[in-house]
Amino acid sequence: MNIFYKLWIGEMISNIGTGMSSFAISVYVYEKTNMITYTSIITLLAYLPNILLSPVAGILADRYDRRAMMIAADLLSGLGVVFIFFNLNSSSILPIFIGVTISSLFSAFSEPAYRSTITDIVSEDDFSKASAMMQIAYNSKFLLSPILAGMLMSFFDIRLILLIDICTFFVTCIIIYIVKKQIPKVSKSSSNHFMEDIKLSIDVLKKNKGVLSLIFVMFFVCFFIGMLQVLLKPLILSLADKKTLGILESISASGMLISSILISILAFKQNFQKILSIAGIFCGIFMACSGVSTSLIFICLNIFLIFFTLPFMNTSCDVLVRKNIANEYQGKIWGFISLLTQLGNISAYLISGFVADYIFEPMFTQKHILSDIIGMGKGRGTGFMIILSGIGLVFICLKIAKNKNISLIDTVKEQA
């Protein structure tokens, strides 16, 4: 685990920098345009290239040096942040769209390499512990980044935050390079043609009905979580300023830190289907509750509880896939899983801003039975969308508990 710890520190540093710039850019665009639609476009551009390229990145991760891919991806994705930095004086937000897209294009090649590297260096008994720690590193962008970025934006220009993010790319690459020679090599499938690798990935997934079922339900889970991702910042900004937003997001995200630490200590080894279903049901309930009130304390409490459930869901999915897919296929399979599940996020990013701005927000400027329950005015239509998303998530996670295919993959041992 010593090698994993070093790699984990590098990823945490990178995630903190990325989270700071992501928070700053989202707030900057929303304040400049006062439109949720543009905020959702930013989120869409940050994820879409990454997701669409993930199968290709996964195949490359199984063909070439995974650590070298991580270094190259981190450095090149930093070019997008540099582009935004030098074009902030533009009266248009188009340069921001371009920069976010550039960053997403190259970061796509890092995720499958990182995920499959974990299987290279961690034993099956430590899978849940490593997965929980990965959640801590990933969630640092929600836990530490918002409060740091929110405070800095109260005193400094957005450029300082972008500079910090650029520096974190270099620090992460240095750490990956240091541990690169300590990581054992795994067999590569480079003898196959590129299209054969794609066909092979599809065949591997087809043969594993449990993983396919997991992908199907996680598409919808990602859809409802994606709705919350887009709508949360505008909801809070309708009630408070950006500094308060940063503080509330960080306090809420501490739920992920607490549950990730708890999972790493308990190191679950079974019943992942049950854990996934129960955590998802509670996540949906808390999501629906967060849209009901205009009390910042009540919203913060429910977002905290939402974040608390997420590592249980992510770890369960991570271990179920890791146990059921052979190591030599994991790079390409993680790429396809990222594509198929996160199309749910993309669908949410595509419709949430438009629906909020042009349907639900105008709907709650008038008095009717729903406005009598959750209120009228700015942010109430957004709150209602979050309520509907929570109800949808509860329904999907009830289905997970009864899925027989997922039950089967929950009982097998790790694939060779």
Protein backbone atom coordinates (compact mmCIF):
# COMPACT_ATOMS: atom_id res chain seq x y z
CA MET A 1 0.00 0.00 0.00
CA ASN A 2 3.00 2.36 0.34
CA ILE A 3 3.08 3.01 -3.41
CA PHE A 4 -0.67 3.60 -3.39
CA TYR A 5 -0.34 6.19 -0.60
CA LYS A 6 2.18 8.23 -2.62
CA LEU A 7 0.01 8.10 -5.73
CA TRP A 8 -3.02 9.01 -3.63
CA ILE A 9 -1.33 12.17 -2.29
CA GLY A 10 -0.57 13.30 -5.84
CA GLU A 11 -4.16 12.79 -6.94
CA MET A 12 -5.49 14.65 -3.92
CA ILE A 13 -3.30 17.68 -4.70
CA SER A 14 -4.48 17.63 -8.31
CA ASN A 15 -8.14 17.33 -7.30
CA ILE A 16 -7.93 20.25 -4.88
CA GLY A 17 -6.51 22.50 -7.61
CA THR A 18 -9.06 21.31 -10.17
CA GLY A 19 -11.91 21.79 -7.70
CA MET A 20 -10.81 25.35 -6.90
CA SER A 21 -10.75 26.38 -10.56
CA SER A 22 -14.04 24.57 -11.26
CA PHE A 23 -15.77 26.39 -8.41
CA ALA A 24 -14.29 29.75 -9.43
CA ILE A 25 -15.21 29.35 -13.11
CA SER A 26 -18.80 28.28 -12.33
CA VAL A 27 -19.37 31.22 -9.97
CA TYR A 28 -17.63 33.63 -12.38
CA VAL A 29 -19.87 32.57 -15.29
CA TYR A 30 -23.08 32.59 -13.22
CA GLU A 31 -22.36 36.07 -11.84
CA LYS A 32 -21.47 37.35 -15.31
CA THR A 33 -24.55 35.93 -17.07
CA ASN A 34 -27.09 35.26 -14.26
CA MET A 35 -28.19 32.18 -16.25
CA ILE A 36 -28.28 28.58 -14.99
CA THR A 37 -28.14 27.51 -18.66
CA TYR A 38 -24.57 28.81 -19.05
CA THR A 39 -23.57 27.16 -15.78
CA SER A 40 -24.90 23.83 -17.07
CA ILE A 41 -23.02 24.33 -20.36
CA ILE A 42 -19.78 24.79 -18.40
CA THR A 43 -20.50 21.57 -16.49
CA LEU A 44 -21.38 19.79 -19.74
CA LEU A 45 -18.14 20.86 -21.45
CA ALA A 46 -16.14 19.82 -18.39
CA TYR A 47 -17.50 16.27 -18.64
CA LEU A 48 -18.60 15.50 -22.22
CA PRO A 49 -15.17 15.21 -23.96
CA ASN A 50 -13.86 13.31 -20.95
CA ILE A 51 -16.70 10.82 -21.07
CA LEU A 52 -16.78 10.32 -24.85
CA LEU A 53 -13.04 9.63 -24.96
CA SER A 54 -12.99 7.33 -21.93
CA PRO A 55 -13.29 4.04 -23.93
CA VAL A 56 -10.34 5.09 -26.12
CA ALA A 57 -8.40 6.14 -23.02
CA GLY A 58 -9.20 2.82 -21.38
CA ILE A 59 -7.84 0.84 -24.32
CA LEU A 60 -4.66 2.94 -24.32
CA ALA A 61 -4.29 2.32 -20.57
CA ASP A 62 -4.19 -1.43 -21.29
CA ARG A 63 -1.73 -0.99 -24.17
CA TYR A 64 0.79 1.49 -22.81
CA ASP A 65 2.43 2.65 -19.59
CA ARG A 66 -0.42 3.76 -17.33
CA ARG A 67 1.75 6.07 -15.24
CA ALA A 68 3.18 7.82 -18.30
CA MET A 69 -0.38 8.37 -19.50
CA MET A 70 -1.28 9.97 -16.17
CA ILE A 71 1.67 12.37 -16.35
CA ALA A 72 0.96 13.39 -19.95
CA ALA A 73 -2.77 13.79 -19.30
CA ASP A 74 -2.23 16.00 -16.24
CA LEU A 75 0.24 18.27 -18.00
CA LEU A 76 -1.80 18.65 -21.19
CA SER A 77 -5.09 19.22 -19.37
CA GLY A 78 -3.39 22.16 -17.66
CA LEU A 79 -3.24 23.87 -21.06
CA GLY A 80 -6.99 24.51 -20.87
CA VAL A 81 -6.60 26.37 -17.57
CA VAL A 82 -3.71 28.38 -19.05
CA PHE A 83 -5.91 29.31 -22.04
CA ILE A 84 -8.67 30.59 -19.75
CA PHE A 85 -6.13 32.53 -17.67
CA PHE A 86 -4.87 34.51 -20.68
CA ASN A 87 -8.35 35.19 -22.09
CA LEU A 88 -10.24 36.45 -19.04
CA ASN A 89 -10.24 40.00 -20.39
CA SER A 90 -12.51 38.92 -23.24
CA SER A 91 -16.06 40.29 -23.11
CA SER A 92 -17.30 36.87 -24.27
CA ILE A 93 -17.42 33.69 -22.21
CA LEU A 94 -16.51 31.63 -25.31
CA PRO A 95 -12.80 31.39 -24.29
CA ILE A 96 -13.92 29.84 -21.01
CA PHE A 97 -15.94 27.24 -22.92
CA ILE A 98 -12.90 26.47 -25.10
CA GLY A 99 -10.50 26.23 -22.16
CA VAL A 100 -12.79 23.94 -20.17
CA THR A 101 -13.15 21.70 -23.24
CA ILE A 102 -9.37 21.49 -23.76
CA SER A 103 -8.84 20.53 -20.14
CA SER A 104 -11.55 17.88 -20.31
CA LEU A 105 -10.19 16.39 -23.54
CA PHE A 106 -6.82 15.57 -22.03
CA SER A 107 -7.96 14.67 -18.52
CA ALA A 108 -10.02 11.87 -20.12
CA PHE A 109 -6.80 9.88 -20.50
CA SER A 110 -5.95 10.04 -16.81
CA GLU A 111 -8.98 8.44 -15.15
CA PRO A 112 -8.88 4.90 -16.68
CA ALA A 113 -5.09 4.78 -16.21
CA TYR A 114 -5.44 5.77 -12.56
CA ARG A 115 -8.28 3.35 -11.81
CA SER A 116 -6.54 0.37 -13.45
CA THR A 117 -3.27 1.27 -11.72
CA ILE A 118 -4.97 0.71 -8.37
CA THR A 119 -5.65 -2.91 -9.32
CA ASP A 120 -1.94 -3.24 -10.23
CA ILE A 121 -0.72 -2.23 -6.79
CA VAL A 122 -3.48 -3.18 -4.31
CA SER A 123 -4.56 -6.67 -3.17
CA GLU A 124 -8.22 -7.74 -3.25
CA ASP A 125 -8.46 -7.56 0.55
CA ASP A 126 -7.57 -3.86 0.36
CA PHE A 127 -9.90 -2.99 -2.54
CA SER A 128 -12.61 -1.37 -0.40
CA LYS A 129 -10.01 0.49 1.69
CA ALA A 130 -8.23 1.78 -1.43
CA SER A 131 -11.54 2.68 -3.05
CA ALA A 132 -12.58 4.65 0.04
CA MET A 133 -9.26 6.52 0.03
CA MET A 134 -9.72 7.25 -3.67
CA GLN A 135 -13.06 8.76 -2.72
CA ILE A 136 -11.33 10.97 -0.14
CA ALA A 137 -8.85 12.22 -2.76
CA TYR A 138 -11.58 12.77 -5.34
CA ASN A 139 -13.92 14.41 -2.86
CA SER A 140 -11.26 16.87 -1.71
CA LYS A 141 -12.39 18.98 -4.68
CA PHE A 142 -15.76 19.30 -2.93
CA LEU A 143 -14.51 19.40 0.65
CA LEU A 144 -11.52 21.76 0.58
CA SER A 145 -11.71 23.48 -2.79
CA PRO A 146 -15.00 25.43 -2.41
CA ILE A 147 -14.10 27.04 0.91
CA LEU A 148 -10.58 27.89 -0.29
CA ALA A 149 -11.82 29.26 -3.61
CA GLY A 150 -14.77 31.08 -2.04
CA MET A 151 -12.53 32.88 0.46
CA LEU A 152 -9.89 33.73 -2.14
CA MET A 153 -12.54 35.10 -4.52
CA SER A 154 -13.69 37.46 -1.75
CA PHE A 155 -10.27 39.16 -1.79
CA PHE A 156 -8.54 38.27 -5.07
CA ASP A 157 -9.24 37.92 -8.77
CA ILE A 158 -10.09 34.54 -10.32
CA ARG A 159 -6.61 34.55 -11.89
CA LEU A 160 -4.96 33.62 -8.58
CA ILE A 161 -7.09 30.48 -8.32
CA LEU A 162 -6.26 29.49 -11.89
CA LEU A 163 -2.54 29.96 -11.14
CA ILE A 164 -2.82 27.69 -8.10
CA ASP A 165 -4.49 25.03 -10.25
CA ILE A 166 -1.73 25.24 -12.86
CA CYS A 167 0.89 24.71 -10.14
CA THR A 168 -0.89 21.61 -8.81
CA PHE A 169 -0.61 19.92 -12.22
CA PHE A 170 3.18 20.09 -12.02
CA VAL A 171 3.32 18.88 -8.40
CA THR A 172 1.14 15.88 -9.23
CA CYS A 173 3.24 14.94 -12.25
CA ILE A 174 6.43 15.03 -10.18
CA ILE A 175 4.91 12.67 -7.60
CA ILE A 176 3.69 10.24 -10.29
CA TYR A 177 7.15 10.26 -11.89
CA ILE A 178 8.83 9.50 -8.55
CA VAL A 179 6.69 6.40 -7.91
CA LYS A 180 6.55 5.28 -11.56
CA LYS A 181 9.51 2.88 -11.37
CA GLN A 182 8.22 1.27 -8.18
CA ILE A 183 4.98 0.07 -9.79
CA PRO A 184 5.07 -3.42 -11.35
CA LYS A 185 4.22 -3.83 -15.01
CA VAL A 186 1.14 -5.81 -16.06
CA SER A 187 0.48 -7.75 -19.27
CA LYS A 188 -0.65 -5.57 -22.16
CA SER A 189 -3.09 -6.39 -24.96
CA SER A 190 -1.15 -4.41 -27.60
CA SER A 191 -1.17 -7.31 -30.07
CA ASN A 192 -4.82 -6.59 -30.88
CA HIS A 193 -5.98 -4.07 -33.45
CA PHE A 194 -7.58 -0.99 -31.89
CA MET A 195 -11.06 -1.91 -33.16
CA GLU A 196 -10.55 -5.47 -31.92
CA ASP A 197 -9.95 -4.07 -28.45
CA ILE A 198 -13.24 -2.18 -28.64
CA LYS A 199 -15.05 -5.35 -29.73
CA LEU A 200 -13.32 -7.31 -26.97
CA SER A 201 -14.47 -4.78 -24.37
CA ILE A 202 -18.06 -5.06 -25.58
CA ASP A 203 -17.84 -8.87 -25.51
CA VAL A 204 -16.47 -8.87 -21.95
CA LEU A 205 -19.35 -6.67 -20.81
CA LYS A 206 -21.94 -8.75 -22.67
CA LYS A 207 -20.77 -11.90 -20.88
CA ASN A 208 -21.09 -10.27 -17.48
CA LYS A 209 -24.79 -9.56 -17.02
CA GLY A 210 -24.25 -8.40 -13.47
CA VAL A 211 -21.86 -5.63 -14.49
CA LEU A 212 -24.23 -4.70 -17.35
CA SER A 213 -27.12 -4.42 -14.90
CA LEU A 214 -24.97 -2.31 -12.62
CA ILE A 215 -24.10 0.01 -15.51
CA PHE A 216 -27.78 0.34 -16.45
CA VAL A 217 -28.95 1.40 -12.99
CA MET A 218 -25.90 3.63 -12.44
CA PHE A 219 -26.81 5.55 -15.61
CA PHE A 220 -29.98 6.72 -13.88
CA VAL A 221 -28.22 7.31 -10.56
CA CYS A 222 -25.70 9.52 -12.38
CA PHE A 223 -28.57 11.36 -14.10
CA PHE A 224 -30.19 12.39 -10.82
CA ILE A 225 -26.87 13.23 -9.15
CA GLY A 226 -25.99 15.28 -12.25
CA MET A 227 -29.16 17.32 -11.82
CA LEU A 228 -28.08 18.16 -8.28
CA GLN A 229 -24.58 19.09 -9.48
CA VAL A 230 -25.92 21.73 -11.85
CA LEU A 231 -28.72 23.08 -9.66
CA LEU A 232 -27.04 23.26 -6.26
CA LYS A 233 -24.89 26.37 -6.84
CA PRO A 234 -27.75 28.48 -8.33
CA LEU A 235 -30.04 27.32 -5.50
CA ILE A 236 -27.63 28.52 -2.81
CA LEU A 237 -26.64 31.67 -4.72
CA SER A 238 -30.33 32.62 -4.78
CA LEU A 239 -30.13 32.74 -0.98
CA ALA A 240 -26.51 33.77 -0.21
CA ASP A 241 -23.22 35.15 -1.64
CA LYS A 242 -20.29 33.21 -3.15
CA LYS A 243 -18.27 33.18 0.08
CA THR A 244 -21.18 31.59 1.91
CA LEU A 245 -21.62 29.17 -1.01
CA GLY A 246 -18.00 28.04 -0.65
CA ILE A 247 -18.30 27.57 3.10
CA LEU A 248 -21.59 25.65 2.84
CA GLU A 249 -20.28 23.41 0.06
CA SER A 250 -17.17 22.55 2.05
CA ILE A 251 -19.10 21.87 5.26
CA SER A 252 -21.58 19.72 3.34
CA ALA A 253 -18.82 17.84 1.51
CA SER A 254 -17.21 16.90 4.84
CA GLY A 255 -19.87 14.19 4.86
CA MET A 256 -17.90 12.42 2.12
CA LEU A 257 -14.70 12.65 4.13
CA ILE A 258 -16.32 11.17 7.23
CA SER A 259 -17.96 8.26 5.38
CA SER A 260 -14.83 7.58 3.29
CA ILE A 261 -12.73 7.34 6.46
CA LEU A 262 -15.38 5.09 7.99
CA ILE A 263 -15.33 2.78 4.95
CA SER A 264 -11.51 2.64 4.91
CA ILE A 265 -11.54 1.58 8.58
CA LEU A 266 -14.35 -0.97 8.29
CA ALA A 267 -13.03 -2.30 4.94
CA PHE A 268 -16.25 -3.96 3.79
CA LYS A 269 -15.77 -7.26 1.95
CA GLN A 270 -19.36 -8.29 1.14
CA ASN A 271 -23.01 -7.19 0.80
CA PHE A 272 -22.11 -4.42 -1.66
CA GLN A 273 -25.48 -4.65 -3.42
CA LYS A 274 -27.32 -4.00 -0.15
CA ILE A 275 -24.96 -1.15 0.75
CA LEU A 276 -25.44 0.43 -2.69
CA SER A 277 -29.23 0.20 -2.52
CA ILE A 278 -29.64 1.51 1.04
CA ALA A 279 -27.17 4.36 0.55
CA GLY A 280 -28.91 5.36 -2.69
CA ILE A 281 -32.36 5.38 -1.11
CA PHE A 282 -31.22 7.64 1.72
CA CYS A 283 -29.37 9.84 -0.78
CA GLY A 284 -32.61 10.36 -2.70
CA ILE A 285 -34.56 11.17 0.46
CA PHE A 286 -32.01 13.77 1.56
CA MET A 287 -31.92 15.22 -1.96
CA ALA A 288 -35.68 15.70 -2.00
CA CYS A 289 -35.56 17.33 1.45
CA SER A 290 -32.83 19.78 0.34
CA GLY A 291 -35.17 21.27 -2.26
CA VAL A 292 -38.10 21.85 0.10
CA SER A 293 -36.77 24.68 2.29
CA THR A 294 -35.07 28.08 1.88
CA SER A 295 -33.24 27.65 5.20
CA LEU A 296 -29.50 27.53 4.51
CA ILE A 297 -28.91 25.42 7.64
CA PHE A 298 -31.54 22.86 6.58
CA ILE A 299 -30.17 22.74 3.01
CA CYS A 300 -26.61 22.39 4.31
CA LEU A 301 -27.62 19.53 6.63
CA ASN A 302 -29.29 17.59 3.81
CA ILE A 303 -26.43 18.18 1.36
CA PHE A 304 -24.05 16.95 4.09
CA LEU A 305 -26.09 13.75 4.36
CA ILE A 306 -26.21 13.38 0.56
CA PHE A 307 -22.42 13.60 0.42
CA PHE A 308 -22.19 11.13 3.33
CA THR A 309 -24.00 8.46 1.27
CA LEU A 310 -22.02 8.92 -1.97
CA PRO A 311 -18.80 7.08 -0.95
CA PHE A 312 -20.87 4.05 0.08
CA MET A 313 -22.44 4.00 -3.39
CA ASN A 314 -19.19 4.65 -5.26
CA THR A 315 -17.18 2.11 -3.27
CA SER A 316 -19.83 -0.58 -3.77
CA CYS A 317 -19.85 -0.08 -7.54
CA ASP A 318 -16.05 0.14 -7.69
CA VAL A 319 -15.48 -3.13 -5.82
CA LEU A 320 -18.22 -5.02 -7.70
CA VAL A 321 -16.58 -4.16 -11.03
CA ARG A 322 -13.02 -4.67 -9.80
CA LYS A 323 -13.86 -8.18 -8.50
CA ASN A 324 -15.60 -9.28 -11.70
CA ILE A 325 -13.32 -7.98 -14.47
CA ALA A 326 -9.87 -9.48 -15.10
CA ASN A 327 -6.97 -7.07 -14.51
CA GLU A 328 -5.73 -7.07 -18.13
CA TYR A 329 -9.13 -5.76 -19.28
CA GLN A 330 -9.72 -3.22 -16.54
CA GLY A 331 -8.37 -0.16 -18.35
CA LYS A 332 -10.68 -0.54 -21.35
CA ILE A 333 -13.63 -1.73 -19.26
CA TRP A 334 -13.38 1.23 -16.89
CA GLY A 335 -13.36 3.45 -19.97
CA PHE A 336 -16.59 1.93 -21.28
CA ILE A 337 -18.21 2.00 -17.85
CA SER A 338 -17.35 5.70 -17.50
CA LEU A 339 -18.88 6.39 -20.91
CA LEU A 340 -22.09 4.45 -20.37
CA THR A 341 -22.83 5.52 -16.79
CA GLN A 342 -21.82 9.15 -17.14
CA LEU A 343 -24.02 9.62 -20.16
CA GLY A 344 -26.55 9.97 -17.35
CA ASN A 345 -24.64 13.02 -16.08
CA ILE A 346 -24.41 14.41 -19.60
CA SER A 347 -28.17 14.04 -20.10
CA ALA A 348 -28.74 15.95 -16.86
CA TYR A 349 -26.31 18.71 -17.86
CA LEU A 350 -28.02 19.07 -21.25
CA ILE A 351 -31.53 19.59 -19.95
CA SER A 352 -31.28 20.89 -16.37
CA GLY A 353 -30.26 24.48 -17.11
CA PHE A 354 -32.83 24.97 -19.86
CA VAL A 355 -35.64 23.35 -17.86
CA ALA A 356 -34.79 25.40 -14.76
CA ASP A 357 -34.51 28.76 -16.59
CA TYR A 358 -37.48 28.41 -18.92
CA ILE A 359 -39.97 26.07 -17.20
CA PHE A 360 -39.68 25.63 -13.44
CA GLU A 361 -38.24 29.01 -12.39
CA PRO A 362 -41.01 30.94 -14.27
CA MET A 363 -43.60 28.47 -12.92
CA PHE A 364 -42.75 29.44 -9.35
CA THR A 365 -43.17 33.18 -9.92
CA GLN A 366 -46.93 32.59 -9.72
CA LYS A 367 -49.12 31.36 -6.90
CA HIS A 368 -50.42 27.77 -7.13
CA ILE A 369 -50.67 24.65 -4.98
CA LEU A 370 -46.97 23.76 -5.32
CA SER A 371 -45.76 27.28 -4.53
CA ASP A 372 -47.90 27.18 -1.40
CA ILE A 373 -45.84 24.17 -0.26
CA ILE A 374 -42.24 25.12 -1.18
CA GLY A 375 -42.56 28.87 -1.73
CA MET A 376 -42.38 31.41 -4.57
CA GLY A 377 -39.58 33.43 -6.12
CA LYS A 378 -36.03 32.92 -7.36
CA GLY A 379 -34.63 29.48 -6.64
CA ARG A 380 -37.93 27.76 -5.87
CA GLY A 381 -38.26 26.22 -9.32
CA THR A 382 -34.71 24.93 -8.95
CA GLY A 383 -35.63 23.50 -5.54
CA PHE A 384 -38.62 21.70 -7.04
CA MET A 385 -36.38 20.10 -9.70
CA ILE A 386 -34.10 18.82 -6.94
CA ILE A 387 -37.12 17.33 -5.13
CA LEU A 388 -38.15 15.45 -8.30
CA SER A 389 -34.56 14.20 -8.77
CA GLY A 390 -34.50 12.84 -5.22
CA ILE A 391 -37.76 10.95 -5.73
CA GLY A 392 -36.40 9.47 -8.96
CA LEU A 393 -33.21 8.33 -7.21
CA VAL A 394 -35.18 6.56 -4.47
CA PHE A 395 -37.18 4.67 -7.10
CA ILE A 396 -34.05 3.51 -8.97
CA CYS A 397 -32.26 2.36 -5.81
CA LEU A 398 -35.28 0.32 -4.75
CA LYS A 399 -34.85 -1.54 -8.06
CA ILE A 400 -31.15 -2.18 -7.32
CA ALA A 401 -32.04 -4.17 -4.19
CA LYS A 402 -34.14 -6.62 -6.26
CA ASN A 403 -31.75 -7.07 -9.19
CA LYS A 404 -30.72 -10.74 -9.38
CA ASN A 405 -27.82 -10.17 -11.78
CA ILE A 406 -26.16 -7.75 -9.38
CA SER A 407 -26.72 -10.27 -6.56
CA LEU A 408 -24.69 -12.84 -8.50
CA ILE A 409 -21.63 -10.62 -8.98
CA ASP A 410 -21.74 -9.64 -5.30
CA THR A 411 -20.84 -13.21 -4.30
CA VAL A 412 -17.92 -14.01 -6.66
CA LYS A 413 -14.21 -13.74 -5.91
CA GLU A 414 -11.76 -11.52 -7.80
CA GLN A 415 -11.11 -12.37 -11.47
CA ALA A 416 -7.54 -13.35 -12.30
